[in-house]
Amino acid sequence: MSRSSKKGPYVDPKLLKKIANLKPGDKSAIKTWSRDSEISPEMVGFVFAVHNGKDFITVRIVEEMIGHRLGEFSPTRKFTRHGGKMQKELEKKTTETKK
């Protein structure tokens, strides 16, 4: 569910403090574990390193991302692929025919 409109968007205070210390256009990544923080207009142009539970994923903030959460751009699950034994055999055949 979305946050109440009377409360306003949630942005971690520590994150705002880190943004205030950096100059606009600075290329260094801001490390954060606050995946639930909403992206605000002050964040545009900065690079964030968002934690996904294992490591940090770098996210460059652009204007279209305003209103979304940081966690939306750092997936927590790794998709390998569908298939199994049959799929591997099919892929093997296609690579052999290409050679």
Protein backbone atom coordinates (compact mmCIF):
# COMPACT_ATOMS: atom_id res chain seq x y z
CA MET A 1 0.00 0.00 0.00
CA SER A 2 1.11 3.53 -0.65
CA ARG A 3 1.92 5.97 2.10
CA SER A 4 -0.73 8.45 3.23
CA SER A 5 -0.66 11.66 1.19
CA LYS A 6 -0.88 13.82 4.32
CA LYS A 7 2.36 12.28 5.63
CA GLY A 8 4.29 12.96 2.45
CA PRO A 9 6.98 10.81 0.81
CA TYR A 10 9.41 8.92 3.04
CA VAL A 11 13.08 9.66 2.53
CA ASP A 12 15.62 8.43 5.07
CA PRO A 13 17.05 11.44 6.97
CA LYS A 14 20.57 9.96 6.83
CA LEU A 15 20.26 9.76 3.04
CA LEU A 16 19.26 13.43 2.79
CA LYS A 17 22.25 14.32 4.97
CA LYS A 18 24.61 12.41 2.65
CA ILE A 19 23.14 14.19 -0.40
CA ALA A 20 23.57 17.59 1.25
CA ASN A 21 27.28 16.90 1.84
CA LEU A 22 27.95 16.10 -1.84
CA LYS A 23 28.19 18.59 -4.66
CA PRO A 24 25.84 18.23 -7.67
CA GLY A 25 27.44 16.22 -10.47
CA ASP A 26 29.72 14.33 -8.08
CA LYS A 27 30.49 10.87 -9.50
CA SER A 28 31.01 9.04 -6.19
CA ALA A 29 28.29 6.57 -5.24
CA ILE A 30 26.23 7.07 -2.09
CA LYS A 31 25.96 3.73 -0.28
CA THR A 32 22.53 3.03 1.19
CA TRP A 33 20.56 0.21 2.73
CA SER A 34 17.38 2.31 2.68
CA ARG A 35 15.53 0.57 -0.16
CA ASP A 36 12.19 1.98 1.02
CA SER A 37 13.21 5.61 0.51
CA GLU A 38 11.30 7.41 -2.20
CA ILE A 39 13.29 9.20 -4.91
CA SER A 40 12.91 12.98 -4.61
CA PRO A 41 13.91 15.75 -7.05
CA GLU A 42 17.01 16.56 -4.94
CA MET A 43 18.44 13.12 -5.79
CA VAL A 44 18.46 13.62 -9.58
CA GLY A 45 21.95 13.37 -11.05
CA PHE A 46 23.47 11.45 -8.14
CA VAL A 47 24.66 7.83 -8.16
CA PHE A 48 23.45 5.52 -5.41
CA ALA A 49 24.77 2.11 -4.40
CA VAL A 50 21.60 0.33 -3.24
CA HIS A 51 22.03 -2.85 -1.20
CA ASN A 52 20.08 -5.87 -2.47
CA GLY A 53 20.83 -8.19 0.43
CA LYS A 54 24.13 -9.47 -0.93
CA ASP A 55 25.96 -6.62 -2.64
CA PHE A 56 25.45 -3.05 -3.81
CA ILE A 57 23.87 -2.26 -7.19
CA THR A 58 24.75 1.15 -8.65
CA VAL A 59 21.77 3.24 -9.70
CA ARG A 60 22.05 6.58 -11.52
CA ILE A 61 18.99 8.72 -10.73
CA VAL A 62 17.19 10.43 -13.63
CA GLU A 63 14.00 12.54 -13.66
CA GLU A 64 11.73 9.66 -14.71
CA MET A 65 12.52 7.83 -11.45
CA ILE A 66 11.02 10.52 -9.17
CA GLY A 67 8.25 9.05 -7.02
CA HIS A 68 9.58 5.49 -7.21
CA ARG A 69 11.47 3.69 -4.44
CA LEU A 70 15.22 2.99 -4.52
CA GLY A 71 14.61 -0.73 -4.02
CA GLU A 72 12.72 -0.97 -7.33
CA PHE A 73 15.98 -0.51 -9.22
CA SER A 74 18.01 -3.04 -7.24
CA PRO A 75 16.56 -6.54 -7.76
CA THR A 76 16.96 -8.97 -4.87
CA ARG A 77 16.45 -12.18 -6.82
CA LYS A 78 18.73 -13.49 -9.54
CA PHE A 79 17.02 -14.99 -12.60
CA THR A 80 19.12 -17.74 -14.14
CA ARG A 81 16.84 -19.08 -16.89
CA HIS A 82 13.94 -21.40 -17.59
CA GLY A 83 14.37 -24.92 -18.84
CA GLY A 84 16.40 -27.81 -17.62
CA LYS A 85 17.96 -30.80 -19.31
CA MET A 86 15.84 -30.43 -22.48
CA GLN A 87 16.60 -26.72 -22.77
CA LYS A 88 20.35 -27.34 -22.45
CA GLU A 89 20.20 -29.94 -25.25
CA LEU A 90 18.35 -27.50 -27.53
CA GLU A 91 20.88 -24.74 -26.86
CA LYS A 92 23.73 -27.15 -27.51
CA LYS A 93 22.23 -28.09 -30.89
CA THR A 94 21.77 -24.45 -31.92
CA THR A 95 25.38 -23.59 -31.04
CA GLU A 96 26.63 -26.58 -33.05
CA THR A 97 24.61 -25.58 -36.13
CA LYS A 98 25.91 -21.99 -35.97
CA LYS A 99 29.55 -23.14 -36.10
